[in-house]
PDB file of N, CA and C in Angstrom:
ATOM      1  N   MET A   1    -122.927 -23.841 120.901  1.00  0.00           N
ATOM      2  CA  MET A   1    -123.687 -24.387 119.675  1.00  0.00           C
ATOM      3  C   MET A   1    -123.863 -25.783 119.414  1.00  0.00           C
ATOM      4  N   ARG A   2    -125.122 -26.048 119.413  1.00  0.00           N
ATOM      5  CA  ARG A   2    -125.426 -27.550 119.171  1.00  0.00           C
ATOM      6  C   ARG A   2    -125.280 -28.052 117.713  1.00  0.00           C
ATOM      7  N   THR A   3    -124.715 -29.207 117.414  1.00  0.00           N
ATOM      8  CA  THR A   3    -124.542 -29.879 116.126  1.00  0.00           C
ATOM      9  C   THR A   3    -125.449 -30.820 116.124  1.00  0.00           C
ATOM     10  N   ALA A   4    -126.188 -31.125 114.892  1.00  0.00           N
ATOM     11  CA  ALA A   4    -127.237 -32.183 114.868  1.00  0.00           C
ATOM     12  C   ALA A   4    -126.416 -33.660 114.479  1.00  0.00           C
ATOM     13  N   VAL A   5    -126.554 -34.637 115.314  1.00  0.00           N
ATOM     14  CA  VAL A   5    -125.814 -35.807 115.380  1.00  0.00           C
ATOM     15  C   VAL A   5    -126.995 -37.148 114.731  1.00  0.00           C
ATOM     16  N   LYS A   6    -126.561 -37.746 114.082  1.00  0.00           N
ATOM     17  CA  LYS A   6    -127.313 -38.852 113.665  1.00  0.00           C
ATOM     18  C   LYS A   6    -127.398 -39.999 114.790  1.00  0.00           C
ATOM     19  N   LEU A   7    -128.549 -40.118 115.274  1.00  0.00           N
ATOM     20  CA  LEU A   7    -128.733 -41.033 116.142  1.00  0.00           C
ATOM     21  C   LEU A   7    -129.653 -42.379 115.665  1.00  0.00           C
ATOM     22  N   ASP A   8    -129.506 -42.570 114.666  1.00  0.00           N
ATOM     23  CA  ASP A   8    -130.031 -43.892 113.885  1.00  0.00           C
ATOM     24  C   ASP A   8    -129.264 -45.132 114.749  1.00  0.00           C
ATOM     25  N   TYR A   9    -128.293 -44.924 115.288  1.00  0.00           N
ATOM     26  CA  TYR A   9    -127.502 -45.924 116.059  1.00  0.00           C
ATOM     27  C   TYR A   9    -128.356 -46.611 117.053  1.00  0.00           C
ATOM     28  N   LEU A  10    -129.263 -45.877 117.831  1.00  0.00           N
ATOM     29  CA  LEU A  10    -130.162 -46.424 118.767  1.00  0.00           C
ATOM     30  C   LEU A  10    -131.184 -47.474 118.327  1.00  0.00           C
ATOM     31  N   ALA A  11    -131.510 -47.167 116.923  1.00  0.00           N
ATOM     32  CA  ALA A  11    -132.673 -48.194 116.292  1.00  0.00           C
ATOM     33  C   ALA A  11    -131.814 -49.707 116.226  1.00  0.00           C
ATOM     34  N   ARG A  12    -130.619 -49.620 116.210  1.00  0.00           N
ATOM     35  CA  ARG A  12    -129.927 -50.740 115.770  1.00  0.00           C
ATOM     36  C   ARG A  12    -129.451 -51.652 116.969  1.00  0.00           C
ATOM     37  N   THR A  13    -130.252 -52.769 117.339  1.00  0.00           N
ATOM     38  CA  THR A  13    -129.877 -53.403 118.681  1.00  0.00           C
ATOM     39  C   THR A  13    -128.679 -54.499 118.745  1.00  0.00           C
ATOM     40  N   ASP A  14    -128.270 -54.655 117.164  1.00  0.00           N
ATOM     41  CA  ASP A  14    -127.164 -55.464 116.947  1.00  0.00           C
ATOM     42  C   ASP A  14    -125.782 -54.834 116.963  1.00  0.00           C
ATOM     43  N   ASP A  15    -126.074 -53.472 117.025  1.00  0.00           N
ATOM     44  CA  ASP A  15    -124.634 -52.958 117.168  1.00  0.00           C
ATOM     45  C   ASP A  15    -123.607 -53.260 118.302  1.00  0.00           C
ATOM     46  N   HIS A  16    -122.482 -53.715 118.292  1.00  0.00           N
ATOM     47  CA  HIS A  16    -121.622 -54.283 119.075  1.00  0.00           C
ATOM     48  C   HIS A  16    -121.289 -53.114 120.099  1.00  0.00           C
ATOM     49  N   ASP A  17    -120.943 -51.798 119.341  1.00  0.00           N
ATOM     50  CA  ASP A  17    -120.583 -50.813 120.604  1.00  0.00           C
ATOM     51  C   ASP A  17    -121.708 -50.061 121.461  1.00  0.00           C
ATOM     52  N   LEU A  18    -122.959 -50.199 121.064  1.00  0.00           N
ATOM     53  CA  LEU A  18    -124.054 -49.832 121.821  1.00  0.00           C
ATOM     54  C   LEU A  18    -123.974 -50.644 122.983  1.00  0.00           C
ATOM     55  N   LEU A  19    -123.944 -51.882 122.602  1.00  0.00           N
ATOM     56  CA  LEU A  19    -124.233 -53.109 123.600  1.00  0.00           C
ATOM     57  C   LEU A  19    -123.121 -52.857 124.512  1.00  0.00           C
ATOM     58  N   VAL A  20    -121.828 -52.710 124.333  1.00  0.00           N
ATOM     59  CA  VAL A  20    -120.748 -52.476 125.056  1.00  0.00           C
ATOM     60  C   VAL A  20    -120.593 -51.205 126.015  1.00  0.00           C
ATOM     61  N   ALA A  21    -121.444 -50.356 125.345  1.00  0.00           N
ATOM     62  CA  ALA A  21    -121.462 -48.730 125.953  1.00  0.00           C
ATOM     63  C   ALA A  21    -122.655 -48.900 127.245  1.00  0.00           C
ATOM     64  N   ASP A  22    -123.559 -49.594 126.713  1.00  0.00           N
ATOM     65  CA  ASP A  22    -124.822 -49.739 128.019  1.00  0.00           C
ATOM     66  C   ASP A  22    -124.182 -50.849 129.212  1.00  0.00           C
ATOM     67  N   GLN A  23    -123.328 -51.480 129.039  1.00  0.00           N
ATOM     68  CA  GLN A  23    -122.345 -52.036 130.145  1.00  0.00           C
ATOM     69  C   GLN A  23    -121.574 -51.340 131.065  1.00  0.00           C
ATOM     70  N   ILE A  24    -121.247 -50.105 130.726  1.00  0.00           N
ATOM     71  CA  ILE A  24    -120.368 -49.178 131.320  1.00  0.00           C
ATOM     72  C   ILE A  24    -121.128 -48.762 132.853  1.00  0.00           C
ATOM     73  N   LYS A  25    -120.680 -49.149 133.893  1.00  0.00           N
ATOM     74  CA  LYS A  25    -121.106 -48.675 135.321  1.00  0.00           C
ATOM     75  C   LYS A  25    -121.105 -47.288 135.382  1.00  0.00           C
ATOM     76  N   SER A  26    -119.920 -46.679 135.150  1.00  0.00           N
ATOM     77  CA  SER A  26    -120.013 -45.108 135.394  1.00  0.00           C
ATOM     78  C   SER A  26    -120.973 -44.261 134.514  1.00  0.00           C
ATOM     79  N   ARG A  27    -121.959 -43.693 135.210  1.00  0.00           N
ATOM     80  CA  ARG A  27    -123.100 -43.136 134.324  1.00  0.00           C
ATOM     81  C   ARG A  27    -122.277 -41.757 133.426  1.00  0.00           C
ATOM     82  N   PRO A  28    -121.492 -41.049 133.993  1.00  0.00           N
ATOM     83  CA  PRO A  28    -120.845 -39.881 133.148  1.00  0.00           C
ATOM     84  C   PRO A  28    -119.796 -40.587 131.905  1.00  0.00           C
ATOM     85  N   VAL A  29    -119.217 -41.730 132.112  1.00  0.00           N
ATOM     86  CA  VAL A  29    -118.466 -42.410 131.218  1.00  0.00           C
ATOM     87  C   VAL A  29    -119.444 -42.853 130.121  1.00  0.00           C
ATOM     88  N   ARG A  30    -120.404 -43.559 130.770  1.00  0.00           N
ATOM     89  CA  ARG A  30    -121.465 -44.039 129.649  1.00  0.00           C
ATOM     90  C   ARG A  30    -122.175 -43.181 128.712  1.00  0.00           C
ATOM     91  N   ARG A  31    -122.469 -41.897 129.639  1.00  0.00           N
ATOM     92  CA  ARG A  31    -123.288 -41.023 128.541  1.00  0.00           C
ATOM     93  C   ARG A  31    -121.960 -40.360 127.590  1.00  0.00           C
ATOM     94  N   LEU A  32    -120.988 -40.261 128.064  1.00  0.00           N
ATOM     95  CA  LEU A  32    -119.724 -39.619 127.235  1.00  0.00           C
ATOM     96  C   LEU A  32    -119.584 -40.499 125.870  1.00  0.00           C
ATOM     97  N   VAL A  33    -119.699 -41.763 126.034  1.00  0.00           N
ATOM     98  CA  VAL A  33    -119.422 -42.856 125.277  1.00  0.00           C
ATOM     99  C   VAL A  33    -120.697 -43.026 124.289  1.00  0.00           C
ATOM    100  N   HIS A  34    -121.835 -42.894 124.705  1.00  0.00           N
ATOM    101  CA  HIS A  34    -123.105 -42.966 124.012  1.00  0.00           C
ATOM    102  C   HIS A  34    -123.003 -41.597 123.374  1.00  0.00           C
ATOM    103  N   LEU A  35    -122.634 -40.656 123.350  1.00  0.00           N
ATOM    104  CA  LEU A  35    -122.445 -39.291 122.630  1.00  0.00           C
ATOM    105  C   LEU A  35    -121.574 -39.415 121.503  1.00  0.00           C
ATOM    106  N   ALA A  36    -120.557 -40.330 121.938  1.00  0.00           N
ATOM    107  CA  ALA A  36    -119.499 -40.323 120.737  1.00  0.00           C
ATOM    108  C   ALA A  36    -119.867 -41.447 119.646  1.00  0.00           C
ATOM    109  N   LEU A  37    -120.769 -42.185 119.965  1.00  0.00           N
ATOM    110  CA  LEU A  37    -121.236 -43.451 119.152  1.00  0.00           C
ATOM    111  C   LEU A  37    -121.827 -42.690 117.903  1.00  0.00           C
ATOM    112  N   GLY A  38    -121.392 -43.180 116.902  1.00  0.00           N
ATOM    113  CA  GLY A  38    -121.522 -42.532 115.397  1.00  0.00           C
ATOM    114  C   GLY A  38    -121.094 -41.126 114.786  1.00  0.00           C
ATOM    115  N   LEU A  39    -120.120 -40.839 115.826  1.00  0.00           N
ATOM    116  CA  LEU A  39    -119.324 -39.639 115.026  1.00  0.00           C
ATOM    117  C   LEU A  39    -118.209 -40.122 114.183  1.00  0.00           C
ATOM    118  N   SER A  40    -117.860 -39.400 113.263  1.00  0.00           N
ATOM    119  CA  SER A  40    -116.934 -39.236 112.114  1.00  0.00           C
ATOM    120  C   SER A  40    -115.496 -39.737 112.833  1.00  0.00           C
ATOM    121  N   THR A  41    -114.658 -40.227 112.037  1.00  0.00           N
ATOM    122  CA  THR A  41    -113.324 -40.675 112.417  1.00  0.00           C
ATOM    123  C   THR A  41    -112.528 -39.199 112.972  1.00  0.00           C
ATOM    124  N   GLU A  42    -112.875 -38.149 112.189  1.00  0.00           N
ATOM    125  CA  GLU A  42    -112.109 -36.964 112.517  1.00  0.00           C
ATOM    126  C   GLU A  42    -112.723 -36.339 113.802  1.00  0.00           C
ATOM    127  N   SER A  43    -113.714 -36.585 114.036  1.00  0.00           N
ATOM    128  CA  SER A  43    -114.513 -36.271 115.383  1.00  0.00           C
ATOM    129  C   SER A  43    -114.067 -37.084 116.607  1.00  0.00           C
ATOM    130  N   MET A  44    -113.939 -38.454 116.171  1.00  0.00           N
ATOM    131  CA  MET A  44    -113.119 -39.260 117.393  1.00  0.00           C
ATOM    132  C   MET A  44    -111.636 -38.812 117.486  1.00  0.00           C
ATOM    133  N   ASP A  45    -111.031 -38.413 116.276  1.00  0.00           N
ATOM    134  CA  ASP A  45    -109.624 -38.032 116.583  1.00  0.00           C
ATOM    135  C   ASP A  45    -109.692 -36.864 117.313  1.00  0.00           C
ATOM    136  N   LEU A  46    -110.669 -35.802 117.253  1.00  0.00           N
ATOM    137  CA  LEU A  46    -110.733 -34.308 118.076  1.00  0.00           C
ATOM    138  C   LEU A  46    -111.078 -34.689 119.610  1.00  0.00           C
ATOM    139  N   LEU A  47    -112.246 -35.629 119.622  1.00  0.00           N
ATOM    140  CA  LEU A  47    -112.433 -36.098 120.982  1.00  0.00           C
ATOM    141  C   LEU A  47    -111.394 -36.531 121.727  1.00  0.00           C
ATOM    142  N   THR A  48    -110.459 -37.437 121.118  1.00  0.00           N
ATOM    143  CA  THR A  48    -109.419 -38.002 121.795  1.00  0.00           C
ATOM    144  C   THR A  48    -108.293 -37.132 122.254  1.00  0.00           C
ATOM    145  N   ALA A  49    -107.928 -36.068 121.250  1.00  0.00           N
ATOM    146  CA  ALA A  49    -107.107 -35.339 121.562  1.00  0.00           C
ATOM    147  C   ALA A  49    -107.373 -34.283 122.587  1.00  0.00           C
ATOM    148  N   LEU A  50    -108.764 -33.904 122.604  1.00  0.00           N
ATOM    149  CA  LEU A  50    -109.263 -33.236 123.699  1.00  0.00           C
ATOM    150  C   LEU A  50    -109.219 -33.870 124.980  1.00  0.00           C
ATOM    151  N   THR A  51    -109.489 -35.139 124.972  1.00  0.00           N
ATOM    152  CA  THR A  51    -109.246 -35.818 126.513  1.00  0.00           C
ATOM    153  C   THR A  51    -107.926 -35.680 126.740  1.00  0.00           C
ATOM    154  N   ASP A  52    -106.776 -36.032 125.945  1.00  0.00           N
ATOM    155  CA  ASP A  52    -105.659 -36.133 126.261  1.00  0.00           C
ATOM    156  C   ASP A  52    -105.172 -34.838 126.928  1.00  0.00           C
ATOM    157  N   ARG A  53    -105.712 -33.541 126.350  1.00  0.00           N
ATOM    158  CA  ARG A  53    -105.300 -32.341 126.753  1.00  0.00           C
ATOM    159  C   ARG A  53    -105.925 -31.913 128.340  1.00  0.00           C
ATOM    160  N   LEU A  54    -107.277 -32.540 128.376  1.00  0.00           N
ATOM    161  CA  LEU A  54    -107.761 -32.502 129.545  1.00  0.00           C
ATOM    162  C   LEU A  54    -107.132 -33.365 130.877  1.00  0.00           C
ATOM    163  N   ARG A  55    -106.641 -34.537 130.376  1.00  0.00           N
ATOM    164  CA  ARG A  55    -105.995 -35.424 131.385  1.00  0.00           C
ATOM    165  C   ARG A  55    -104.608 -34.835 131.445  1.00  0.00           C
ATOM    166  N   THR A  56    -104.097 -33.957 130.439  1.00  0.00           N
ATOM    167  CA  THR A  56    -102.638 -33.458 130.916  1.00  0.00           C
ATOM    168  C   THR A  56    -103.017 -32.247 131.816  1.00  0.00           C
ATOM    169  N   ALA A  57    -103.809 -31.273 131.593  1.00  0.00           N
ATOM    170  CA  ALA A  57    -104.320 -30.462 132.576  1.00  0.00           C
ATOM    171  C   ALA A  57    -104.531 -30.640 134.184  1.00  0.00           C
ATOM    172  N   GLU A  58    -105.108 -31.793 134.277  1.00  0.00           N
ATOM    173  CA  GLU A  58    -105.403 -32.672 135.376  1.00  0.00           C
ATOM    174  C   GLU A  58    -104.138 -33.104 136.127  1.00  0.00           C
ATOM    175  N   GLY A  59    -103.280 -33.262 135.361  1.00  0.00           N
ATOM    176  CA  GLY A  59    -102.000 -33.955 135.614  1.00  0.00           C
ATOM    177  C   GLY A  59    -102.243 -35.747 135.710  1.00  0.00           C
ATOM    178  N   ALA A  60    -103.071 -36.049 135.114  1.00  0.00           N
ATOM    179  CA  ALA A  60    -103.183 -37.464 134.731  1.00  0.00           C
ATOM    180  C   ALA A  60    -102.810 -38.285 133.913  1.00  0.00           C
ATOM    181  N   LEU A  61    -102.066 -37.114 133.018  1.00  0.00           N
ATOM    182  CA  LEU A  61    -101.206 -37.744 132.012  1.00  0.00           C
ATOM    183  C   LEU A  61     -99.977 -36.943 131.642  1.00  0.00           C
ATOM    184  N   ASP A  62     -98.926 -37.358 131.067  1.00  0.00           N
ATOM    185  CA  ASP A  62     -97.581 -36.443 130.891  1.00  0.00           C
ATOM    186  C   ASP A  62     -98.153 -35.453 129.460  1.00  0.00           C
ATOM    187  N   ASP A  63     -97.690 -34.471 129.560  1.00  0.00           N
ATOM    188  CA  ASP A  63     -97.723 -33.387 128.885  1.00  0.00           C
ATOM    189  C   ASP A  63     -96.901 -33.621 127.620  1.00  0.00           C
ATOM    190  N   PRO A  64     -97.532 -34.144 125.992  1.00  0.00           N
ATOM    191  CA  PRO A  64     -96.531 -34.434 125.097  1.00  0.00           C
ATOM    192  C   PRO A  64     -95.647 -33.214 124.774  1.00  0.00           C
ATOM    193  N   ALA A  65     -95.919 -32.195 125.148  1.00  0.00           N
ATOM    194  CA  ALA A  65     -95.228 -30.819 124.703  1.00  0.00           C
ATOM    195  C   ALA A  65     -93.904 -30.820 125.327  1.00  0.00           C
ATOM    196  N   THR A  66     -94.005 -31.472 126.688  1.00  0.00           N
ATOM    197  CA  THR A  66     -92.644 -31.629 127.403  1.00  0.00           C
ATOM    198  C   THR A  66     -92.071 -32.768 127.913  1.00  0.00           C
ATOM    199  N   SER A  67     -92.684 -34.000 127.231  1.00  0.00           N
ATOM    200  CA  SER A  67     -92.214 -35.296 127.765  1.00  0.00           C
ATOM    201  C   SER A  67     -91.418 -35.824 126.520  1.00  0.00           C
ATOM    202  N   GLY A  68     -91.294 -35.061 125.359  1.00  0.00           N
ATOM    203  CA  GLY A  68     -90.543 -35.475 124.280  1.00  0.00           C
ATOM    204  C   GLY A  68     -91.287 -36.725 123.423  1.00  0.00           C
ATOM    205  N   GLU A  69     -92.543 -37.072 123.634  1.00  0.00           N
ATOM    206  CA  GLU A  69     -93.173 -38.072 123.003  1.00  0.00           C
ATOM    207  C   GLU A  69     -93.260 -37.616 121.235  1.00  0.00           C
ATOM    208  N   PHE A  70     -93.640 -36.264 121.225  1.00  0.00           N
ATOM    209  CA  PHE A  70     -93.930 -35.929 119.714  1.00  0.00           C
ATOM    210  C   PHE A  70     -92.856 -35.023 119.361  1.00  0.00           C
TER     211      PHE A  70
END
């Protein structure tokens, strides 16, 4: 399911986050950052949690359920 995202940030050339995102060399990471720009705080928190889970599944991050962090 696709959700409409406000893309008005693309029209603002003074947006610092957009300028920084454009400097990212890795195309997949740059695309991910561009897609995340403009998301609500709640959506960013969800994206961060999902990223943590993906990194845990790939063995790149300790599993918080077993590491005693939480």
